[in-house]
PDB file of all heavy atoms in Angstrom:
ATOM      1  N   ARG A   1       0.825  -1.221   0.004  1.00  0.00           N
ATOM      2  CA  ARG A   1      -0.005  -0.004   0.006  1.00  0.00           C
ATOM      3  C   ARG A   1       0.851   1.260  -0.001  1.00  0.00           C
ATOM      4  O   ARG A   1       0.359   2.346  -0.349  1.00  0.00           O
ATOM      5  CB  ARG A   1      -0.951  -0.013   1.210  1.00  0.00           C
ATOM      6  CG  ARG A   1      -0.240  -0.007   2.520  1.00  0.00           C
ATOM      7  CD  ARG A   1      -1.108  -0.553   3.671  1.00  0.00           C
ATOM      8  NE  ARG A   1      -2.284   0.273   3.902  1.00  0.00           N
ATOM      9  CZ  ARG A   1      -3.518  -0.222   4.033  1.00  0.00           C
ATOM     10  NH1 ARG A   1      -3.725  -1.530   3.956  1.00  0.00           N
ATOM     11  NH2 ARG A   1      -4.536   0.557   4.265  1.00  0.00           N
ATOM     12  N   THR A   2       2.124   1.160   0.379  1.00  0.00           N
ATOM     13  CA  THR A   2       3.004   2.326   0.392  1.00  0.00           C
ATOM     14  C   THR A   2       3.116   2.974  -0.984  1.00  0.00           C
ATOM     15  O   THR A   2       3.296   4.186  -1.108  1.00  0.00           O
ATOM     16  CB  THR A   2       4.413   1.941   0.887  1.00  0.00           C
ATOM     17  OG1 THR A   2       4.291   1.216   2.104  1.00  0.00           O
ATOM     18  CG2 THR A   2       5.279   3.167   1.099  1.00  0.00           C
ATOM     19  N   LEU A   3       3.019   2.148  -2.036  1.00  0.00           N
ATOM     20  CA  LEU A   3       3.209   2.644  -3.391  1.00  0.00           C
ATOM     21  C   LEU A   3       1.892   3.077  -4.052  1.00  0.00           C
ATOM     22  O   LEU A   3       1.892   3.481  -5.211  1.00  0.00           O
ATOM     23  CB  LEU A   3       3.860   1.553  -4.240  1.00  0.00           C
ATOM     24  CG  LEU A   3       5.377   1.389  -4.010  1.00  0.00           C
ATOM     25  CD1 LEU A   3       5.861   0.017  -4.452  1.00  0.00           C
ATOM     26  CD2 LEU A   3       6.136   2.496  -4.716  1.00  0.00           C
ATOM     27  N   VAL A   4       0.784   3.000  -3.340  1.00  0.00           N
ATOM     28  CA  VAL A   4      -0.520   3.320  -3.924  1.00  0.00           C
ATOM     29  C   VAL A   4      -0.833   4.803  -3.753  1.00  0.00           C
ATOM     30  O   VAL A   4      -0.726   5.350  -2.644  1.00  0.00           O
ATOM     31  CB  VAL A   4      -1.638   2.471  -3.284  1.00  0.00           C
ATOM     32  CG1 VAL A   4      -2.994   2.872  -3.832  1.00  0.00           C
ATOM     33  CG2 VAL A   4      -1.372   0.979  -3.518  1.00  0.00           C
ATOM     34  N   ASP A   5      -1.259   5.455  -4.826  1.00  0.00           N
ATOM     35  CA  ASP A   5      -1.824   6.805  -4.767  1.00  0.00           C
ATOM     36  C   ASP A   5      -3.337   6.651  -4.728  1.00  0.00           C
ATOM     37  O   ASP A   5      -3.990   6.424  -5.757  1.00  0.00           O
ATOM     38  CB  ASP A   5      -1.395   7.611  -5.991  1.00  0.00           C
ATOM     39  CG  ASP A   5      -1.901   9.043  -5.958  1.00  0.00           C
ATOM     40  OD1 ASP A   5      -2.826   9.346  -5.165  1.00  0.00           O
ATOM     41  OD2 ASP A   5      -1.389   9.877  -6.736  1.00  0.00           O
ATOM     42  N   ARG A   6      -3.897   6.733  -3.548  1.00  0.00           N
ATOM     43  CA  ARG A   6      -5.329   6.438  -3.358  1.00  0.00           C
ATOM     44  C   ARG A   6      -6.207   7.376  -4.177  1.00  0.00           C
ATOM     45  O   ARG A   6      -7.310   6.997  -4.609  1.00  0.00           O
ATOM     46  CB  ARG A   6      -5.682   6.563  -1.871  1.00  0.00           C
ATOM     47  CG  ARG A   6      -7.079   5.992  -1.515  1.00  0.00           C
ATOM     48  CD  ARG A   6      -7.335   6.194  -0.006  1.00  0.00           C
ATOM     49  NE  ARG A   6      -8.524   5.490   0.429  1.00  0.00           N
ATOM     50  CZ  ARG A   6      -9.763   5.934   0.266  1.00  0.00           C
ATOM     51  NH1 ARG A   6      -9.967   7.078  -0.368  1.00  0.00           N
ATOM     52  NH2 ARG A   6     -10.799   5.243   0.703  1.00  0.00           N
ATOM     53  N   SER A   7      -5.717   8.568  -4.448  1.00  0.00           N
ATOM     54  CA  SER A   7      -6.536   9.547  -5.182  1.00  0.00           C
ATOM     55  C   SER A   7      -6.795   9.133  -6.616  1.00  0.00           C
ATOM     56  O   SER A   7      -7.710   9.646  -7.269  1.00  0.00           O
ATOM     57  CB  SER A   7      -5.859  10.930  -5.150  1.00  0.00           C
ATOM     58  OG  SER A   7      -4.678  10.932  -5.920  1.00  0.00           O
ATOM     59  N   LEU A   8      -5.958   8.215  -7.146  1.00  0.00           N
ATOM     60  CA  LEU A   8      -6.150   7.751  -8.524  1.00  0.00           C
ATOM     61  C   LEU A   8      -7.119   6.588  -8.621  1.00  0.00           C
ATOM     62  O   LEU A   8      -7.485   6.185  -9.736  1.00  0.00           O
ATOM     63  CB  LEU A   8      -4.805   7.328  -9.122  1.00  0.00           C
ATOM     64  CG  LEU A   8      -3.746   8.414  -9.328  1.00  0.00           C
ATOM     65  CD1 LEU A   8      -2.471   7.812  -9.883  1.00  0.00           C
ATOM     66  CD2 LEU A   8      -4.286   9.512 -10.240  1.00  0.00           C
ATOM     67  N   LEU A   9      -7.549   6.035  -7.514  1.00  0.00           N
ATOM     68  CA  LEU A   9      -8.432   4.887  -7.505  1.00  0.00           C
ATOM     69  C   LEU A   9      -9.900   5.321  -7.419  1.00  0.00           C
ATOM     70  O   LEU A   9     -10.239   6.265  -6.713  1.00  0.00           O
ATOM     71  CB  LEU A   9      -8.119   3.950  -6.344  1.00  0.00           C
ATOM     72  CG  LEU A   9      -6.728   3.316  -6.312  1.00  0.00           C
ATOM     73  CD1 LEU A   9      -6.556   2.469  -5.048  1.00  0.00           C
ATOM     74  CD2 LEU A   9      -6.479   2.491  -7.560  1.00  0.00           C
ATOM     75  N   THR A  10     -10.751   4.590  -8.103  1.00  0.00           N
ATOM     76  CA  THR A  10     -12.193   4.809  -7.991  1.00  0.00           C
ATOM     77  C   THR A  10     -12.714   4.089  -6.757  1.00  0.00           C
ATOM     78  O   THR A  10     -12.034   3.228  -6.171  1.00  0.00           O
ATOM     79  CB  THR A  10     -12.919   4.264  -9.239  1.00  0.00           C
ATOM     80  OG1 THR A  10     -12.766   2.832  -9.273  1.00  0.00           O
ATOM     81  CG2 THR A  10     -12.356   4.855 -10.519  1.00  0.00           C
ATOM     82  N   GLU A  11     -13.945   4.389  -6.376  1.00  0.00           N
ATOM     83  CA  GLU A  11     -14.546   3.690  -5.234  1.00  0.00           C
ATOM     84  C   GLU A  11     -14.645   2.199  -5.491  1.00  0.00           C
ATOM     85  O   GLU A  11     -14.455   1.380  -4.592  1.00  0.00           O
ATOM     86  CB  GLU A  11     -15.920   4.289  -4.929  1.00  0.00           C
ATOM     87  CG  GLU A  11     -15.885   5.667  -4.294  1.00  0.00           C
ATOM     88  CD  GLU A  11     -15.043   5.663  -3.008  1.00  0.00           C
ATOM     89  OE1 GLU A  11     -15.241   4.766  -2.156  1.00  0.00           O
ATOM     90  OE2 GLU A  11     -14.193   6.569  -2.854  1.00  0.00           O
ATOM     91  N   SER A  12     -14.940   1.819  -6.734  1.00  0.00           N
ATOM     92  CA  SER A  12     -15.015   0.408  -7.088  1.00  0.00           C
ATOM     93  C   SER A  12     -13.664  -0.290  -6.928  1.00  0.00           C
ATOM     94  O   SER A  12     -13.592  -1.430  -6.445  1.00  0.00           O
ATOM     95  CB  SER A  12     -15.528   0.245  -8.515  1.00  0.00           C
ATOM     96  OG  SER A  12     -15.451  -1.100  -8.935  1.00  0.00           O
ATOM     97  N   GLU A  13     -12.608   0.414  -7.327  1.00  0.00           N
ATOM     98  CA  GLU A  13     -11.261  -0.174  -7.202  1.00  0.00           C
ATOM     99  C   GLU A  13     -10.840  -0.287  -5.731  1.00  0.00           C
ATOM    100  O   GLU A  13     -10.217  -1.291  -5.323  1.00  0.00           O
ATOM    101  CB  GLU A  13     -10.255   0.671  -7.980  1.00  0.00           C
ATOM    102  CG  GLU A  13     -10.435   0.555  -9.485  1.00  0.00           C
ATOM    103  CD  GLU A  13      -9.740   1.656 -10.283  1.00  0.00           C
ATOM    104  OE1 GLU A  13      -9.362   2.682  -9.661  1.00  0.00           O
ATOM    105  OE2 GLU A  13      -9.555   1.483 -11.497  1.00  0.00           O
ATOM    106  N   ILE A  14     -11.219   0.706  -4.918  1.00  0.00           N
ATOM    107  CA  ILE A  14     -10.924   0.630  -3.491  1.00  0.00           C
ATOM    108  C   ILE A  14     -11.702  -0.515  -2.865  1.00  0.00           C
ATOM    109  O   ILE A  14     -11.179  -1.254  -2.001  1.00  0.00           O
ATOM    110  CB  ILE A  14     -11.261   1.980  -2.809  1.00  0.00           C
ATOM    111  CG1 ILE A  14     -10.285   3.067  -3.296  1.00  0.00           C
ATOM    112  CG2 ILE A  14     -11.192   1.859  -1.289  1.00  0.00           C
ATOM    113  CD1 ILE A  14     -10.672   4.480  -2.874  1.00  0.00           C
ATOM    114  N   GLU A  15     -12.921  -0.711  -3.319  1.00  0.00           N
ATOM    115  CA  GLU A  15     -13.732  -1.830  -2.815  1.00  0.00           C
ATOM    116  C   GLU A  15     -13.064  -3.157  -3.159  1.00  0.00           C
ATOM    117  O   GLU A  15     -13.036  -4.081  -2.339  1.00  0.00           O
ATOM    118  CB  GLU A  15     -15.138  -1.748  -3.423  1.00  0.00           C
ATOM    119  CG  GLU A  15     -16.093  -2.810  -2.916  1.00  0.00           C
ATOM    120  CD  GLU A  15     -17.460  -2.697  -3.530  1.00  0.00           C
ATOM    121  OE1 GLU A  15     -17.848  -1.581  -3.936  1.00  0.00           O
ATOM    122  OE2 GLU A  15     -18.169  -3.723  -3.620  1.00  0.00           O
ATOM    123  N   TRP A  16     -12.515  -3.269  -4.403  1.00  0.00           N
ATOM    124  CA  TRP A  16     -11.815  -4.493  -4.785  1.00  0.00           C
ATOM    125  C   TRP A  16     -10.622  -4.702  -3.874  1.00  0.00           C
ATOM    126  O   TRP A  16     -10.389  -5.823  -3.391  1.00  0.00           O
ATOM    127  CB  TRP A  16     -11.358  -4.415  -6.241  1.00  0.00           C
ATOM    128  CG  TRP A  16     -10.624  -5.663  -6.685  1.00  0.00           C
ATOM    129  CD1 TRP A  16     -11.163  -6.753  -7.285  1.00  0.00           C
ATOM    130  CD2 TRP A  16      -9.214  -5.936  -6.519  1.00  0.00           C
ATOM    131  NE1 TRP A  16     -10.188  -7.705  -7.495  1.00  0.00           N
ATOM    132  CE2 TRP A  16      -8.992  -7.238  -7.040  1.00  0.00           C
ATOM    133  CE3 TRP A  16      -8.140  -5.245  -5.979  1.00  0.00           C
ATOM    134  CZ2 TRP A  16      -7.726  -7.841  -7.047  1.00  0.00           C
ATOM    135  CZ3 TRP A  16      -6.878  -5.839  -5.962  1.00  0.00           C
ATOM    136  CH2 TRP A  16      -6.685  -7.115  -6.490  1.00  0.00           C
ATOM    137  N   TRP A  17      -9.822  -3.651  -3.658  1.00  0.00           N
ATOM    138  CA  TRP A  17      -8.644  -3.737  -2.817  1.00  0.00           C
ATOM    139  C   TRP A  17      -9.004  -4.245  -1.416  1.00  0.00           C
ATOM    140  O   TRP A  17      -8.396  -5.182  -0.904  1.00  0.00           O
ATOM    141  CB  TRP A  17      -7.964  -2.361  -2.714  1.00  0.00           C
ATOM    142  CG  TRP A  17      -6.844  -2.302  -1.730  1.00  0.00           C
ATOM    143  CD1 TRP A  17      -6.952  -2.226  -0.359  1.00  0.00           C
ATOM    144  CD2 TRP A  17      -5.438  -2.304  -2.023  1.00  0.00           C
ATOM    145  NE1 TRP A  17      -5.693  -2.179   0.207  1.00  0.00           N
ATOM    146  CE2 TRP A  17      -4.750  -2.233  -0.783  1.00  0.00           C
ATOM    147  CE3 TRP A  17      -4.691  -2.347  -3.192  1.00  0.00           C
ATOM    148  CZ2 TRP A  17      -3.367  -2.205  -0.690  1.00  0.00           C
ATOM    149  CZ3 TRP A  17      -3.301  -2.324  -3.107  1.00  0.00           C
ATOM    150  CH2 TRP A  17      -2.655  -2.253  -1.873  1.00  0.00           C
ATOM    151  N   ASN A  18     -10.029  -3.652  -0.830  1.00  0.00           N
ATOM    152  CA  ASN A  18     -10.402  -4.022   0.518  1.00  0.00           C
ATOM    153  C   ASN A  18     -10.952  -5.453   0.587  1.00  0.00           C
ATOM    154  O   ASN A  18     -10.650  -6.204   1.515  1.00  0.00           O
ATOM    155  CB  ASN A  18     -11.443  -3.029   1.092  1.00  0.00           C
ATOM    156  CG  ASN A  18     -10.828  -1.660   1.349  1.00  0.00           C
ATOM    157  OD1 ASN A  18      -9.609  -1.529   1.533  1.00  0.00           O
ATOM    158  ND2 ASN A  18     -11.660  -0.641   1.358  1.00  0.00           N
ATOM    159  N   SER A  19     -11.747  -5.835  -0.399  1.00  0.00           N
ATOM    160  CA  SER A  19     -12.286  -7.198  -0.436  1.00  0.00           C
ATOM    161  C   SER A  19     -11.166  -8.206  -0.628  1.00  0.00           C
ATOM    162  O   SER A  19     -11.144  -9.254   0.044  1.00  0.00           O
ATOM    163  CB  SER A  19     -13.303  -7.309  -1.578  1.00  0.00           C
ATOM    164  OG  SER A  19     -13.726  -8.669  -1.727  1.00  0.00           O
ATOM    165  N   TYR A  20     -10.233  -7.896  -1.528  1.00  0.00           N
ATOM    166  CA  TYR A  20      -9.106  -8.792  -1.775  1.00  0.00           C
ATOM    167  C   TYR A  20      -8.287  -8.976  -0.501  1.00  0.00           C
ATOM    168  O   TYR A  20      -7.950 -10.102  -0.119  1.00  0.00           O
ATOM    169  CB  TYR A  20      -8.213  -8.247  -2.915  1.00  0.00           C
ATOM    170  CG  TYR A  20      -6.947  -9.045  -3.116  1.00  0.00           C
ATOM    171  CD1 TYR A  20      -6.974 -10.278  -3.742  1.00  0.00           C
ATOM    172  CD2 TYR A  20      -5.727  -8.579  -2.648  1.00  0.00           C
ATOM    173  CE1 TYR A  20      -5.815 -11.036  -3.930  1.00  0.00           C
ATOM    174  CE2 TYR A  20      -4.552  -9.309  -2.819  1.00  0.00           C
ATOM    175  CZ  TYR A  20      -4.612 -10.538  -3.459  1.00  0.00           C
ATOM    176  OH  TYR A  20      -3.460 -11.277  -3.613  1.00  0.00           O
ATOM    177  N   HIS A  21      -7.962  -7.899   0.173  1.00  0.00           N
ATOM    178  CA  HIS A  21      -7.126  -8.004   1.355  1.00  0.00           C
ATOM    179  C   HIS A  21      -7.852  -8.649   2.530  1.00  0.00           C
ATOM    180  O   HIS A  21      -7.196  -9.255   3.400  1.00  0.00           O
ATOM    181  CB  HIS A  21      -6.513  -6.654   1.693  1.00  0.00           C
ATOM    182  CG  HIS A  21      -5.366  -6.306   0.791  1.00  0.00           C
ATOM    183  ND1 HIS A  21      -5.537  -5.656  -0.408  1.00  0.00           N
ATOM    184  CD2 HIS A  21      -4.044  -6.577   0.895  1.00  0.00           C
ATOM    185  CE1 HIS A  21      -4.360  -5.514  -1.009  1.00  0.00           C
ATOM    186  NE2 HIS A  21      -3.435  -6.070  -0.237  1.00  0.00           N
ATOM    187  N   ALA A  22      -9.169  -8.522   2.571  1.00  0.00           N
ATOM    188  CA  ALA A  22      -9.927  -9.270   3.586  1.00  0.00           C
ATOM    189  C   ALA A  22      -9.767 -10.776   3.356  1.00  0.00           C
ATOM    190  O   ALA A  22      -9.603 -11.569   4.313  1.00  0.00           O
ATOM    191  CB  ALA A  22     -11.393  -8.868   3.555  1.00  0.00           C
ATOM    192  N   GLN A  23      -9.797 -11.186   2.069  1.00  0.00           N
ATOM    193  CA  GLN A  23      -9.576 -12.595   1.751  1.00  0.00           C
ATOM    194  C   GLN A  23      -8.154 -13.016   2.079  1.00  0.00           C
ATOM    195  O   GLN A  23      -7.921 -14.119   2.588  1.00  0.00           O
ATOM    196  CB  GLN A  23      -9.857 -12.846   0.275  1.00  0.00           C
ATOM    197  CG  GLN A  23     -11.333 -12.771  -0.131  1.00  0.00           C
ATOM    198  CD  GLN A  23     -11.498 -12.985  -1.630  1.00  0.00           C
ATOM    199  OE1 GLN A  23     -11.336 -12.044  -2.416  1.00  0.00           O
ATOM    200  NE2 GLN A  23     -11.803 -14.206  -2.008  1.00  0.00           N
ATOM    201  N   VAL A  24      -7.192 -12.130   1.776  1.00  0.00           N
ATOM    202  CA  VAL A  24      -5.797 -12.434   2.118  1.00  0.00           C
ATOM    203  C   VAL A  24      -5.680 -12.712   3.612  1.00  0.00           C
ATOM    204  O   VAL A  24      -5.069 -13.728   4.045  1.00  0.00           O
ATOM    205  CB  VAL A  24      -4.863 -11.277   1.729  1.00  0.00           C
ATOM    206  CG1 VAL A  24      -3.457 -11.493   2.283  1.00  0.00           C
ATOM    207  CG2 VAL A  24      -4.816 -11.083   0.230  1.00  0.00           C
ATOM    208  N   ARG A  25      -6.255 -11.852   4.424  1.00  0.00           N
ATOM    209  CA  ARG A  25      -6.189 -12.023   5.881  1.00  0.00           C
ATOM    210  C   ARG A  25      -6.853 -13.332   6.305  1.00  0.00           C
ATOM    211  O   ARG A  25      -6.300 -14.082   7.120  1.00  0.00           O
ATOM    212  CB  ARG A  25      -6.880 -10.842   6.573  1.00  0.00           C
ATOM    213  CG  ARG A  25      -6.797 -10.894   8.095  1.00  0.00           C
ATOM    214  CD  ARG A  25      -7.567  -9.737   8.732  1.00  0.00           C
ATOM    215  NE  ARG A  25      -8.977  -9.821   8.388  1.00  0.00           N
ATOM    216  CZ  ARG A  25      -9.603  -8.916   7.623  1.00  0.00           C
ATOM    217  NH1 ARG A  25      -8.939  -7.884   7.123  1.00  0.00           N
ATOM    218  NH2 ARG A  25     -10.887  -9.031   7.366  1.00  0.00           N
ATOM    219  N   ASP A  26      -8.031 -13.634   5.755  1.00  0.00           N
ATOM    220  CA  ASP A  26      -8.741 -14.851   6.162  1.00  0.00           C
ATOM    221  C   ASP A  26      -7.972 -16.118   5.798  1.00  0.00           C
ATOM    222  O   ASP A  26      -8.016 -17.108   6.531  1.00  0.00           O
ATOM    223  CB  ASP A  26     -10.114 -14.878   5.483  1.00  0.00           C
ATOM    224  CG  ASP A  26     -11.067 -13.830   6.041  1.00  0.00           C
ATOM    225  OD1 ASP A  26     -10.764 -13.249   7.099  1.00  0.00           O
ATOM    226  OD2 ASP A  26     -12.098 -13.557   5.382  1.00  0.00           O
ATOM    227  N   ILE A  27      -7.271 -16.098   4.663  1.00  0.00           N
ATOM    228  CA  ILE A  27      -6.549 -17.283   4.203  1.00  0.00           C
ATOM    229  C   ILE A  27      -5.214 -17.436   4.895  1.00  0.00           C
ATOM    230  O   ILE A  27      -4.806 -18.550   5.252  1.00  0.00           O
ATOM    231  CB  ILE A  27      -6.359 -17.213   2.670  1.00  0.00           C
ATOM    232  CG1 ILE A  27      -7.723 -17.428   1.978  1.00  0.00           C
ATOM    233  CG2 ILE A  27      -5.347 -18.243   2.171  1.00  0.00           C
ATOM    234  CD1 ILE A  27      -7.721 -17.147   0.498  1.00  0.00           C
ATOM    235  N   LEU A  28      -4.512 -16.318   5.117  1.00  0.00           N
ATOM    236  CA  LEU A  28      -3.153 -16.407   5.651  1.00  0.00           C
ATOM    237  C   LEU A  28      -3.099 -16.423   7.183  1.00  0.00           C
ATOM    238  O   LEU A  28      -2.240 -17.094   7.771  1.00  0.00           O
ATOM    239  CB  LEU A  28      -2.304 -15.244   5.144  1.00  0.00           C
ATOM    240  CG  LEU A  28      -2.113 -15.137   3.626  1.00  0.00           C
ATOM    241  CD1 LEU A  28      -1.065 -14.073   3.323  1.00  0.00           C
ATOM    242  CD2 LEU A  28      -1.717 -16.463   3.021  1.00  0.00           C
ATOM    243  N   ALA A  29      -3.996 -15.707   7.850  1.00  0.00           N
ATOM    244  CA  ALA A  29      -3.911 -15.551   9.294  1.00  0.00           C
ATOM    245  C   ALA A  29      -3.862 -16.888  10.043  1.00  0.00           C
ATOM    246  O   ALA A  29      -3.038 -17.049  10.975  1.00  0.00           O
ATOM    247  CB  ALA A  29      -5.057 -14.684   9.807  1.00  0.00           C
ATOM    248  N   PRO A  30      -4.674 -17.898   9.675  1.00  0.00           N
ATOM    249  CA  PRO A  30      -4.596 -19.159  10.413  1.00  0.00           C
ATOM    250  C   PRO A  30      -3.262 -19.892  10.270  1.00  0.00           C
ATOM    251  O   PRO A  30      -2.973 -20.792  11.058  1.00  0.00           O
ATOM    252  CB  PRO A  30      -5.740 -19.993   9.786  1.00  0.00           C
ATOM    253  CG  PRO A  30      -6.670 -19.001   9.178  1.00  0.00           C
ATOM    254  CD  PRO A  30      -5.781 -17.890   8.688  1.00  0.00           C
ATOM    255  N   GLN A  31      -2.469 -19.502   9.285  1.00  0.00           N
ATOM    256  CA  GLN A  31      -1.181 -20.172   9.061  1.00  0.00           C
ATOM    257  C   GLN A  31       0.012 -19.452   9.693  1.00  0.00           C
ATOM    258  O   GLN A  31       1.139 -19.950   9.652  1.00  0.00           O
ATOM    259  CB  GLN A  31      -0.910 -20.276   7.558  1.00  0.00           C
ATOM    260  CG  GLN A  31      -2.006 -20.990   6.752  1.00  0.00           C
ATOM    261  CD  GLN A  31      -1.627 -21.017   5.275  1.00  0.00           C
ATOM    262  OE1 GLN A  31      -0.717 -21.732   4.868  1.00  0.00           O
ATOM    263  NE2 GLN A  31      -2.336 -20.245   4.469  1.00  0.00           N
ATOM    264  N   LEU A  32      -0.252 -18.264  10.285  1.00  0.00           N
ATOM    265  CA  LEU A  32       0.821 -17.415  10.775  1.00  0.00           C
ATOM    266  C   LEU A  32       0.675 -17.139  12.251  1.00  0.00           C
ATOM    267  O   LEU A  32      -0.403 -17.346  12.845  1.00  0.00           O
ATOM    268  CB  LEU A  32       0.847 -16.089   9.993  1.00  0.00           C
ATOM    269  CG  LEU A  32       1.003 -16.189   8.480  1.00  0.00           C
ATOM    270  CD1 LEU A  32       0.825 -14.813   7.835  1.00  0.00           C
ATOM    271  CD2 LEU A  32       2.368 -16.769   8.114  1.00  0.00           C
ATOM    272  N   GLU A  33       1.740 -16.641  12.856  1.00  0.00           N
ATOM    273  CA  GLU A  33       1.699 -16.263  14.259  1.00  0.00           C
ATOM    274  C   GLU A  33       2.740 -15.174  14.495  1.00  0.00           C
ATOM    275  O   GLU A  33       3.578 -14.881  13.644  1.00  0.00           O
ATOM    276  CB  GLU A  33       1.978 -17.463  15.151  1.00  0.00           C
ATOM    277  CG  GLU A  33       3.312 -18.141  14.882  1.00  0.00           C
ATOM    278  CD  GLU A  33       3.504 -19.412  15.696  1.00  0.00           C
ATOM    279  OE1 GLU A  33       2.509 -19.960  16.197  1.00  0.00           O
ATOM    280  OE2 GLU A  33       4.653 -19.845  15.801  1.00  0.00           O
ATOM    281  N   GLY A  34       2.644 -14.551  15.645  1.00  0.00           N
ATOM    282  CA  GLY A  34       3.649 -13.579  16.060  1.00  0.00           C
ATOM    283  C   GLY A  34       3.734 -12.364  15.156  1.00  0.00           C
ATOM    284  O   GLY A  34       2.720 -11.852  14.671  1.00  0.00           O
ATOM    285  N   ASP A  35       4.974 -11.915  14.935  1.00  0.00           N
ATOM    286  CA  ASP A  35       5.187 -10.688  14.172  1.00  0.00           C
ATOM    287  C   ASP A  35       4.718 -10.800  12.726  1.00  0.00           C
ATOM    288  O   ASP A  35       4.231  -9.818  12.147  1.00  0.00           O
ATOM    289  CB  ASP A  35       6.679 -10.310  14.198  1.00  0.00           C
ATOM    290  CG  ASP A  35       7.158  -9.875  15.589  1.00  0.00           C
ATOM    291  OD1 ASP A  35       6.289  -9.571  16.418  1.00  0.00           O
ATOM    292  OD2 ASP A  35       8.366  -9.848  15.801  1.00  0.00           O
ATOM    293  N   ALA A  36       4.870 -11.984  12.121  1.00  0.00           N
ATOM    294  CA  ALA A  36       4.406 -12.153  10.735  1.00  0.00           C
ATOM    295  C   ALA A  36       2.904 -12.002  10.637  1.00  0.00           C
ATOM    296  O   ALA A  36       2.382 -11.373   9.692  1.00  0.00           O
ATOM    297  CB  ALA A  36       4.837 -13.514  10.197  1.00  0.00           C
ATOM    298  N   LEU A  37       2.180 -12.542  11.617  1.00  0.00           N
ATOM    299  CA  LEU A  37       0.718 -12.382  11.622  1.00  0.00           C
ATOM    300  C   LEU A  37       0.346 -10.916  11.805  1.00  0.00           C
ATOM    301  O   LEU A  37      -0.537 -10.402  11.103  1.00  0.00           O
ATOM    302  CB  LEU A  37       0.128 -13.238  12.743  1.00  0.00           C
ATOM    303  CG  LEU A  37      -1.373 -13.049  13.015  1.00  0.00           C
ATOM    304  CD1 LEU A  37      -2.195 -13.378  11.760  1.00  0.00           C
ATOM    305  CD2 LEU A  37      -1.816 -13.933  14.187  1.00  0.00           C
ATOM    306  N   ALA A  38       1.024 -10.253  12.724  1.00  0.00           N
ATOM    307  CA  ALA A  38       0.734  -8.819  12.961  1.00  0.00           C
ATOM    308  C   ALA A  38       1.000  -8.014  11.689  1.00  0.00           C
ATOM    309  O   ALA A  38       0.245  -7.080  11.364  1.00  0.00           O
ATOM    310  CB  ALA A  38       1.571  -8.313  14.126  1.00  0.00           C
ATOM    311  N   TRP A  39       2.070  -8.362  10.976  1.00  0.00           N
ATOM    312  CA  TRP A  39       2.386  -7.652   9.731  1.00  0.00           C
ATOM    313  C   TRP A  39       1.286  -7.836   8.698  1.00  0.00           C
ATOM    314  O   TRP A  39       0.870  -6.864   8.039  1.00  0.00           O
ATOM    315  CB  TRP A  39       3.723  -8.138   9.183  1.00  0.00           C
ATOM    316  CG  TRP A  39       4.128  -7.480   7.888  1.00  0.00           C
ATOM    317  CD1 TRP A  39       4.811  -6.293   7.773  1.00  0.00           C
ATOM    318  CD2 TRP A  39       3.854  -7.930   6.575  1.00  0.00           C
ATOM    319  NE1 TRP A  39       4.994  -5.980   6.439  1.00  0.00           N
ATOM    320  CE2 TRP A  39       4.410  -6.974   5.678  1.00  0.00           C
ATOM    321  CE3 TRP A  39       3.215  -9.027   6.049  1.00  0.00           C
ATOM    322  CZ2 TRP A  39       4.324  -7.113   4.299  1.00  0.00           C
ATOM    323  CZ3 TRP A  39       3.125  -9.168   4.675  1.00  0.00           C
ATOM    324  CH2 TRP A  39       3.671  -8.228   3.802  1.00  0.00           C
ATOM    325  N   VAL A  40       0.812  -9.052   8.535  1.00  0.00           N
ATOM    326  CA  VAL A  40      -0.259  -9.310   7.574  1.00  0.00           C
ATOM    327  C   VAL A  40      -1.532  -8.581   7.964  1.00  0.00           C
ATOM    328  O   VAL A  40      -2.202  -7.971   7.110  1.00  0.00           O
ATOM    329  CB  VAL A  40      -0.531 -10.839   7.468  1.00  0.00           C
ATOM    330  CG1 VAL A  40      -1.871 -11.098   6.778  1.00  0.00           C
ATOM    331  CG2 VAL A  40       0.588 -11.520   6.666  1.00  0.00           C
ATOM    332  N   GLU A  41      -1.878  -8.573   9.238  1.00  0.00           N
ATOM    333  CA  GLU A  41      -3.100  -7.876   9.670  1.00  0.00           C
ATOM    334  C   GLU A  41      -2.992  -6.383   9.410  1.00  0.00           C
ATOM    335  O   GLU A  41      -3.967  -5.748   8.982  1.00  0.00           O
ATOM    336  CB  GLU A  41      -3.347  -8.164  11.147  1.00  0.00           C
ATOM    337  CG  GLU A  41      -3.804  -9.596  11.383  1.00  0.00           C
ATOM    338  CD  GLU A  41      -4.012  -9.929  12.844  1.00  0.00           C
ATOM    339  OE1 GLU A  41      -3.401  -9.222  13.700  1.00  0.00           O
ATOM    340  OE2 GLU A  41      -4.790 -10.854  13.146  1.00  0.00           O
ATOM    341  N   GLU A  42      -1.810  -5.812   9.600  1.00  0.00           N
ATOM    342  CA  GLU A  42      -1.618  -4.377   9.311  1.00  0.00           C
ATOM    343  C   GLU A  42      -1.686  -4.118   7.809  1.00  0.00           C
ATOM    344  O   GLU A  42      -2.321  -3.159   7.365  1.00  0.00           O
ATOM    345  CB  GLU A  42      -0.258  -3.928   9.859  1.00  0.00           C
ATOM    346  CG  GLU A  42       0.043  -2.455   9.663  1.00  0.00           C
ATOM    347  CD  GLU A  42      -0.872  -1.540  10.454  1.00  0.00           C
ATOM    348  OE1 GLU A  42      -1.407  -1.973  11.501  1.00  0.00           O
ATOM    349  OE2 GLU A  42      -1.105  -0.402  10.011  1.00  0.00           O
ATOM    350  N   ALA A  43      -1.076  -5.013   7.025  1.00  0.00           N
ATOM    351  CA  ALA A  43      -1.062  -4.835   5.568  1.00  0.00           C
ATOM    352  C   ALA A  43      -2.431  -5.020   4.958  1.00  0.00           C
ATOM    353  O   ALA A  43      -2.688  -4.520   3.845  1.00  0.00           O
ATOM    354  CB  ALA A  43      -0.074  -5.833   4.941  1.00  0.00           C
ATOM    355  N   CYS A  44      -3.337  -5.692   5.658  1.00  0.00           N
ATOM    356  CA  CYS A  44      -4.661  -5.987   5.101  1.00  0.00           C
ATOM    357  C   CYS A  44      -5.747  -5.066   5.629  1.00  0.00           C
ATOM    358  O   CYS A  44      -6.947  -5.271   5.343  1.00  0.00           O
ATOM    359  CB  CYS A  44      -5.028  -7.439   5.419  1.00  0.00           C
ATOM    360  SG  CYS A  44      -4.037  -8.648   4.503  1.00  0.00           S
ATOM    361  N   LYS A  45      -5.383  -4.038   6.358  1.00  0.00           N
ATOM    362  CA  LYS A  45      -6.381  -3.080   6.812  1.00  0.00           C
ATOM    363  C   LYS A  45      -7.000  -2.367   5.596  1.00  0.00           C
ATOM    364  O   LYS A  45      -6.353  -2.211   4.558  1.00  0.00           O
ATOM    365  CB  LYS A  45      -5.743  -2.041   7.732  1.00  0.00           C
ATOM    366  CG  LYS A  45      -5.442  -2.566   9.130  1.00  0.00           C
ATOM    367  CD  LYS A  45      -4.864  -1.478  10.021  1.00  0.00           C
ATOM    368  CE  LYS A  45      -4.656  -1.993  11.435  1.00  0.00           C
ATOM    369  NZ  LYS A  45      -4.070  -0.929  12.299  1.00  0.00           N
TER     370      LYS A  45
END
């Protein structure tokens, strides 16, 4: 997300981003723990 210029995205594209990252969190979180899990949760906000 550091490289994203949010102002260039439409609401539909932001919705895709958020939906995608919610799936990322749901799939990856059960496989991770500790700092790596915290990093994924932060990256998927």
